[in-house]
Amino acid sequence: MPKIELENFVEYGQLFEIYGKLLSFDRQKICEEYFSFNMTIAEISDEKKISRQAVFDAIHKSCEKLEEFEKTLGILQNRRKLTDQLETIAVLAQDSPKIKEKVEKILKEI
């Protein structure tokens, strides 16, 4: 079971952004509240009228699924590689404002 700590909270949030629609509707809503709206397990539990353990289990099972999706599809990894490559191009294009501007626009879009 994945352990959600501060350093990987952002990564799970990114995975949820990419693969969240592949989760069940209920898990989507719980993860959205947890990762996107930064609600606590207790807050989600109170709102949904379910136990804290049920919320905890839903989040952790969802994280496992998100990791499986990433392991299979690799979209986040590819996005990171592309971003790194474009940042390198932007540095190399310092002398060409047009190229630098286009690369920076692309970086904002990914």
Protein backbone atom coordinates (compact mmCIF):
# COMPACT_ATOMS: atom_id res chain seq x y z
CA MET A 1 0.00 0.00 0.00
CA PRO A 2 1.56 3.36 -1.00
CA LYS A 3 2.38 5.75 1.79
CA ILE A 4 1.22 9.28 1.06
CA GLU A 5 3.69 11.74 2.48
CA LEU A 6 4.28 15.35 1.61
CA GLU A 7 7.01 14.64 -0.92
CA ASN A 8 4.85 12.25 -2.97
CA PHE A 9 1.52 14.01 -2.39
CA VAL A 10 2.21 16.22 -5.41
CA GLU A 11 3.08 13.21 -7.56
CA TYR A 12 -0.16 11.44 -6.65
CA GLY A 13 -1.99 14.67 -7.43
CA GLN A 14 -0.38 14.72 -10.86
CA LEU A 15 -1.22 11.07 -11.42
CA PHE A 16 -4.80 11.79 -10.39
CA GLU A 17 -4.93 14.69 -12.83
CA ILE A 18 -3.85 12.37 -15.66
CA TYR A 19 -5.59 9.10 -14.78
CA GLY A 20 -8.35 10.12 -12.36
CA LYS A 21 -11.14 9.54 -14.87
CA LEU A 22 -10.15 5.87 -14.97
CA LEU A 23 -11.14 5.41 -11.32
CA SER A 24 -14.68 4.62 -10.20
CA PHE A 25 -16.93 7.65 -9.70
CA ASP A 26 -16.85 7.36 -5.90
CA ARG A 27 -13.07 7.08 -5.80
CA GLN A 28 -12.76 10.01 -8.21
CA LYS A 29 -14.76 12.21 -5.88
CA ILE A 30 -12.83 11.16 -2.77
CA CYS A 31 -9.46 11.64 -4.48
CA GLU A 32 -10.55 14.96 -5.94
CA GLU A 33 -11.44 16.24 -2.48
CA TYR A 34 -8.20 14.88 -1.04
CA PHE A 35 -5.71 15.86 -3.75
CA SER A 36 -7.36 18.83 -5.47
CA PHE A 37 -9.22 20.47 -2.60
CA ASN A 38 -6.74 19.41 0.11
CA MET A 39 -9.46 18.10 2.42
CA THR A 40 -8.51 15.84 5.31
CA ILE A 41 -9.68 12.27 5.67
CA ALA A 42 -11.88 13.38 8.57
CA GLU A 43 -13.48 16.15 6.50
CA ILE A 44 -14.21 13.80 3.62
CA SER A 45 -15.56 11.21 6.04
CA ASP A 46 -17.94 13.73 7.59
CA GLU A 47 -19.10 15.04 4.23
CA LYS A 48 -19.67 11.61 2.68
CA LYS A 49 -21.09 10.11 5.90
CA ILE A 50 -18.69 7.18 5.72
CA SER A 51 -16.00 5.99 8.12
CA ARG A 52 -12.52 7.45 8.10
CA GLN A 53 -11.20 3.98 7.41
CA ALA A 54 -13.36 3.76 4.27
CA VAL A 55 -11.95 7.09 3.04
CA PHE A 56 -8.41 6.00 3.91
CA ASP A 57 -8.87 2.69 2.05
CA ALA A 58 -10.38 4.41 -0.99
CA ILE A 59 -7.47 6.84 -1.22
CA HIS A 60 -4.82 4.15 -0.84
CA LYS A 61 -6.46 1.75 -3.28
CA SER A 62 -6.82 4.61 -5.74
CA CYS A 63 -3.14 5.47 -5.36
CA GLU A 64 -2.23 1.87 -6.10
CA LYS A 65 -4.38 2.00 -9.24
CA LEU A 66 -2.86 5.32 -10.31
CA GLU A 67 0.62 3.80 -9.93
CA GLU A 68 -0.46 0.81 -12.05
CA PHE A 69 -1.79 3.12 -14.77
CA GLU A 70 1.46 5.09 -14.79
CA LYS A 71 3.57 1.92 -14.84
CA THR A 72 1.60 0.69 -17.86
CA LEU A 73 1.14 3.95 -19.79
CA GLY A 74 3.98 6.18 -18.55
CA ILE A 75 2.28 9.47 -19.40
CA LEU A 76 3.67 11.39 -16.41
CA GLN A 77 7.18 10.07 -17.02
CA ASN A 78 6.98 11.07 -20.68
CA ARG A 79 5.64 14.51 -19.75
CA ARG A 80 8.59 15.02 -17.40
CA LYS A 81 11.09 13.95 -20.06
CA LEU A 82 9.50 16.30 -22.60
CA THR A 83 9.53 19.17 -20.12
CA ASP A 84 13.21 18.58 -19.35
CA GLN A 85 14.08 18.50 -23.04
CA LEU A 86 12.14 21.69 -23.75
CA GLU A 87 13.79 23.46 -20.82
CA THR A 88 17.16 22.47 -22.27
CA ILE A 89 16.13 23.86 -25.65
CA ALA A 90 14.99 27.09 -24.00
CA VAL A 91 18.41 27.50 -22.38
CA LEU A 92 20.16 26.80 -25.68
CA ALA A 93 17.85 29.25 -27.47
CA GLN A 94 18.77 32.23 -25.27
CA ASP A 95 20.22 33.98 -28.33
CA SER A 96 17.03 33.49 -30.34
CA PRO A 97 14.06 35.26 -28.70
CA LYS A 98 11.54 33.78 -31.16
CA ILE A 99 12.58 30.19 -30.43
CA LYS A 100 12.77 30.86 -26.70
CA GLU A 101 9.28 32.39 -26.73
CA LYS A 102 7.80 29.41 -28.61
CA VAL A 103 9.46 26.89 -26.28
CA GLU A 104 8.23 28.75 -23.19
CA LYS A 105 4.69 28.75 -24.65
CA ILE A 106 4.88 24.98 -25.15
CA LEU A 107 6.18 24.50 -21.59
CA LYS A 108 3.19 26.38 -20.20
CA GLU A 109 0.83 24.15 -22.13
CA ILE A 110 2.17 20.87 -20.76
